[in-house]
Amino acid sequence: MGRGRVELKRIENPTSRQVTFSKRRNGLLKKAFELSVLCDAEVCLLIFSPTGKAYQFASHEVDRTIARYRREVGLIGLNDQHSRSSEFWRSEIEELERTIETLETRLKHFCGEDISVLGMKELKQLERQLKTGVERIRSKKRRIIMDHINFLKRKHRALQEANTLLQKRIKLHELSEASIGSRILDSNPFDAFQQRAVNDGILH
């Protein structure tokens, strides 16, 4: 037999009202938790009992979610500027901290650390990423080596050309000296001596 529909009106009996509040409060908190996990939603739930006792659930910081809600509906006034700034930067810091934590975890996985928590799917994905990274590194390494080889070849050709030029200059210098020496040997030694004596003022 199906469950009868409950009439939505205030329960007059205090005991029944408290029991119903307790049961439905727990159910509502459970649903809020499930919604945040299953749908990756940012959920914040606040419940105040008839006696003024507060109950809450928040998938993130309560202040952050409330600040986000106020921004979304435009409830921030001039007097809340400082509070808005603090809440904004606190939210940004928390987001950055989560990003850093995620990146550090991925880095550990790439280094082969803490991989015991990964399943087969995650391990295969990590393996593909590592293979892709290795191929990129090898490709970059080959390009650097080829660039260095080409640089050394150009430097070798330049040195060869400089060496050839120096050898030509040495040969020209040797030929020039040989020509001067030949002219000195072909001249009359006495005439050369006499000319030097005239130049020195010994002979007139």
Protein backbone atom coordinates (compact mmCIF):
# COMPACT_ATOMS: atom_id res chain seq x y z
CA MET A 1 0.00 0.00 0.00
CA GLY A 2 1.40 3.38 -0.98
CA ARG A 3 2.38 6.02 1.48
CA GLY A 4 -0.30 8.61 2.05
CA ARG A 5 0.29 12.24 1.19
CA VAL A 6 1.07 14.40 4.20
CA GLU A 7 -0.94 17.55 4.46
CA LEU A 8 1.41 20.52 4.41
CA LYS A 9 0.47 22.50 7.47
CA ARG A 10 2.01 23.19 10.82
CA ILE A 11 2.13 20.14 13.08
CA GLU A 12 0.45 21.10 16.27
CA ASN A 13 1.82 18.34 18.47
CA PRO A 14 5.27 19.51 19.71
CA THR A 15 6.70 15.99 19.94
CA SER A 16 5.57 15.01 16.46
CA ARG A 17 6.79 18.35 15.14
CA GLN A 18 10.26 17.77 16.64
CA VAL A 19 10.48 14.20 15.28
CA THR A 20 9.44 15.35 11.82
CA PHE A 21 11.93 18.22 11.93
CA SER A 22 14.76 15.88 12.89
CA LYS A 23 13.98 13.31 10.18
CA ARG A 24 13.46 15.81 7.37
CA ARG A 25 16.47 17.88 8.42
CA ASN A 26 18.73 14.84 8.15
CA GLY A 27 17.21 13.90 4.80
CA LEU A 28 17.70 17.42 3.48
CA LEU A 29 21.34 17.51 4.61
CA LYS A 30 21.94 14.13 2.99
CA LYS A 31 20.43 15.31 -0.30
CA ALA A 32 22.59 18.43 -0.23
CA PHE A 33 25.71 16.30 0.26
CA GLU A 34 24.74 13.93 -2.57
CA LEU A 35 24.06 16.85 -4.91
CA SER A 36 27.50 18.35 -4.23
CA VAL A 37 29.29 15.04 -4.83
CA LEU A 38 27.33 13.67 -7.78
CA CYS A 39 27.07 16.93 -9.69
CA ASP A 40 30.21 18.72 -8.46
CA ALA A 41 27.95 21.56 -7.34
CA GLU A 42 28.76 24.23 -4.79
CA VAL A 43 26.07 23.73 -2.15
CA CYS A 44 25.42 25.58 1.08
CA LEU A 45 22.45 24.70 3.29
CA LEU A 46 21.48 26.55 6.48
CA ILE A 47 18.69 25.33 8.79
CA PHE A 48 17.48 27.01 11.98
CA SER A 49 15.29 24.98 14.29
CA PRO A 50 12.23 26.52 16.01
CA THR A 51 14.41 26.88 19.10
CA GLY A 52 17.02 28.82 17.16
CA LYS A 53 19.64 26.08 16.86
CA ALA A 54 21.58 26.20 13.59
CA TYR A 55 22.42 23.28 11.29
CA GLN A 56 24.44 23.60 8.13
CA PHE A 57 26.10 21.80 5.27
CA ALA A 58 28.59 23.38 2.85
CA SER A 59 30.59 21.75 0.09
CA HIS A 60 33.00 24.69 0.35
CA GLU A 61 33.51 27.43 2.92
CA VAL A 62 30.15 28.86 4.00
CA ASP A 63 31.41 32.45 3.85
CA ARG A 64 32.72 31.91 0.34
CA THR A 65 29.43 30.47 -0.92
CA ILE A 66 27.42 33.23 0.72
CA ALA A 67 29.72 35.87 -0.76
CA ARG A 68 29.32 34.26 -4.17
CA TYR A 69 25.55 34.27 -3.78
CA ARG A 70 25.55 37.93 -2.81
CA ARG A 71 27.66 38.78 -5.85
CA GLU A 72 25.36 36.83 -8.14
CA VAL A 73 22.17 38.55 -6.96
CA GLY A 74 23.78 41.96 -6.51
CA LEU A 75 23.24 42.30 -2.76
CA ILE A 76 26.60 43.90 -2.02
CA GLY A 77 26.32 47.54 -1.07
CA LEU A 78 28.85 50.28 -0.51
CA ASN A 79 29.30 49.29 3.13
CA ASP A 80 30.27 45.78 2.10
CA GLN A 81 33.14 46.72 -0.23
CA HIS A 82 35.84 45.77 2.24
CA SER A 83 34.08 42.52 3.12
CA ARG A 84 33.60 41.74 -0.57
CA SER A 85 37.29 42.35 -1.27
CA SER A 86 38.39 40.10 1.59
CA GLU A 87 35.99 37.36 0.59
CA PHE A 88 37.02 37.62 -3.04
CA TRP A 89 40.73 37.31 -2.30
CA ARG A 90 40.14 34.53 0.20
CA SER A 91 38.22 32.68 -2.50
CA GLU A 92 41.01 33.30 -4.99
CA ILE A 93 43.63 32.04 -2.54
CA GLU A 94 41.63 28.89 -1.85
CA GLU A 95 41.23 28.27 -5.57
CA LEU A 96 44.96 28.73 -6.14
CA GLU A 97 45.78 26.42 -3.25
CA ARG A 98 43.56 23.72 -4.76
CA THR A 99 45.20 24.24 -8.15
CA ILE A 100 48.67 23.98 -6.62
CA GLU A 101 47.70 20.82 -4.77
CA THR A 102 46.36 19.28 -7.99
CA LEU A 103 49.50 20.19 -9.93
CA GLU A 104 51.77 18.85 -7.19
CA THR A 105 49.83 15.58 -7.19
CA ARG A 106 50.16 15.30 -10.98
CA LEU A 107 53.87 16.05 -10.75
CA LYS A 108 54.30 13.26 -8.21
CA HIS A 109 52.46 10.89 -10.53
CA PHE A 110 54.73 11.87 -13.43
CA CYS A 111 57.71 11.08 -11.17
CA GLY A 112 56.23 7.67 -10.37
CA GLU A 113 55.23 8.61 -6.82
CA ASP A 114 51.89 7.95 -5.09
CA ILE A 115 50.61 5.97 -8.07
CA SER A 116 49.20 3.24 -5.85
CA VAL A 117 45.98 5.26 -5.59
CA LEU A 118 45.51 5.31 -9.38
CA GLY A 119 43.31 2.86 -11.21
CA MET A 120 43.98 1.19 -14.54
CA LYS A 121 42.32 4.00 -16.51
CA GLU A 122 44.38 6.69 -14.79
CA LEU A 123 47.58 4.65 -15.19
CA LYS A 124 47.00 4.24 -18.93
CA GLN A 125 46.31 7.94 -19.31
CA LEU A 126 49.48 8.74 -17.35
CA GLU A 127 51.46 6.35 -19.55
CA ARG A 128 50.17 8.04 -22.73
CA GLN A 129 51.08 11.46 -21.34
CA LEU A 130 54.58 10.28 -20.44
CA LYS A 131 55.10 8.76 -23.91
CA THR A 132 53.97 11.99 -25.54
CA GLY A 133 56.30 13.97 -23.29
CA VAL A 134 59.26 11.68 -24.07
CA GLU A 135 58.67 12.01 -27.82
CA ARG A 136 58.57 15.79 -27.57
CA ILE A 137 61.77 15.80 -25.52
CA ARG A 138 63.55 13.54 -28.02
CA SER A 139 62.37 15.66 -30.94
CA LYS A 140 63.64 18.81 -29.25
CA LYS A 141 66.93 17.08 -28.43
CA ARG A 142 67.38 16.02 -32.07
CA ARG A 143 66.73 19.57 -33.27
CA ILE A 144 69.30 20.98 -30.84
CA ILE A 145 71.90 18.38 -31.89
CA MET A 146 71.31 19.07 -35.61
CA ASP A 147 71.57 22.83 -35.06
CA HIS A 148 74.86 22.31 -33.21
CA ILE A 149 76.20 20.03 -35.95
CA ASN A 150 75.30 22.58 -38.63
CA PHE A 151 77.00 25.30 -36.58
CA LEU A 152 80.18 23.20 -36.29
CA LYS A 153 80.13 22.50 -40.04
CA ARG A 154 79.85 26.20 -40.83
CA LYS A 155 82.67 26.94 -38.39
CA HIS A 156 84.82 24.21 -39.98
CA ARG A 157 84.28 25.63 -43.47
CA ALA A 158 85.15 29.11 -42.24
CA LEU A 159 88.36 27.82 -40.64
CA GLN A 160 89.29 25.97 -43.83
CA GLU A 161 88.80 29.12 -45.90
CA ALA A 162 90.89 31.13 -43.43
CA ASN A 163 93.61 28.47 -43.52
CA THR A 164 93.66 28.48 -47.32
CA LEU A 165 93.94 32.27 -47.36
CA LEU A 166 96.83 32.18 -44.86
CA GLN A 167 98.65 29.56 -46.93
CA LYS A 168 98.34 31.74 -50.03
CA ARG A 169 99.73 34.73 -48.13
CA ILE A 170 102.67 32.66 -46.84
CA LYS A 171 103.49 31.48 -50.37
CA LEU A 172 103.34 35.05 -51.70
CA HIS A 173 105.60 36.21 -48.88
CA GLU A 174 108.10 33.41 -49.56
CA LEU A 175 108.13 34.21 -53.29
CA SER A 176 108.67 37.90 -52.52
CA GLU A 177 111.63 37.18 -50.23
CA ALA A 178 113.14 34.80 -52.77
CA SER A 179 112.89 37.46 -55.49
CA ILE A 180 114.63 40.09 -53.29
CA GLY A 181 117.45 37.68 -52.42
CA SER A 182 117.99 36.81 -56.05
CA ARG A 183 118.36 40.48 -57.00
CA ILE A 184 120.97 41.01 -54.27
CA LEU A 185 123.03 38.02 -55.43
CA ASP A 186 122.96 39.15 -59.07
CA SER A 187 124.37 42.64 -58.24
CA ASN A 188 128.22 43.43 -58.10
CA PRO A 189 129.39 43.14 -54.48
CA PHE A 190 132.15 45.82 -55.01
CA ASP A 191 129.70 48.30 -56.47
CA ALA A 192 127.45 47.74 -53.53
CA PHE A 193 130.34 48.30 -51.10
CA GLN A 194 131.44 51.46 -52.94
CA GLN A 195 127.94 52.86 -52.94
CA ARG A 196 127.62 52.25 -49.19
CA ALA A 197 130.98 53.99 -48.61
CA VAL A 198 129.84 57.02 -50.58
CA ASN A 199 126.68 57.12 -48.64
CA ASP A 200 128.66 56.98 -45.37
CA GLY A 201 131.02 59.83 -46.45
CA ILE A 202 134.12 57.62 -46.61
CA LEU A 203 134.61 58.03 -50.36
CA HIS A 204 133.97 61.16 -52.40
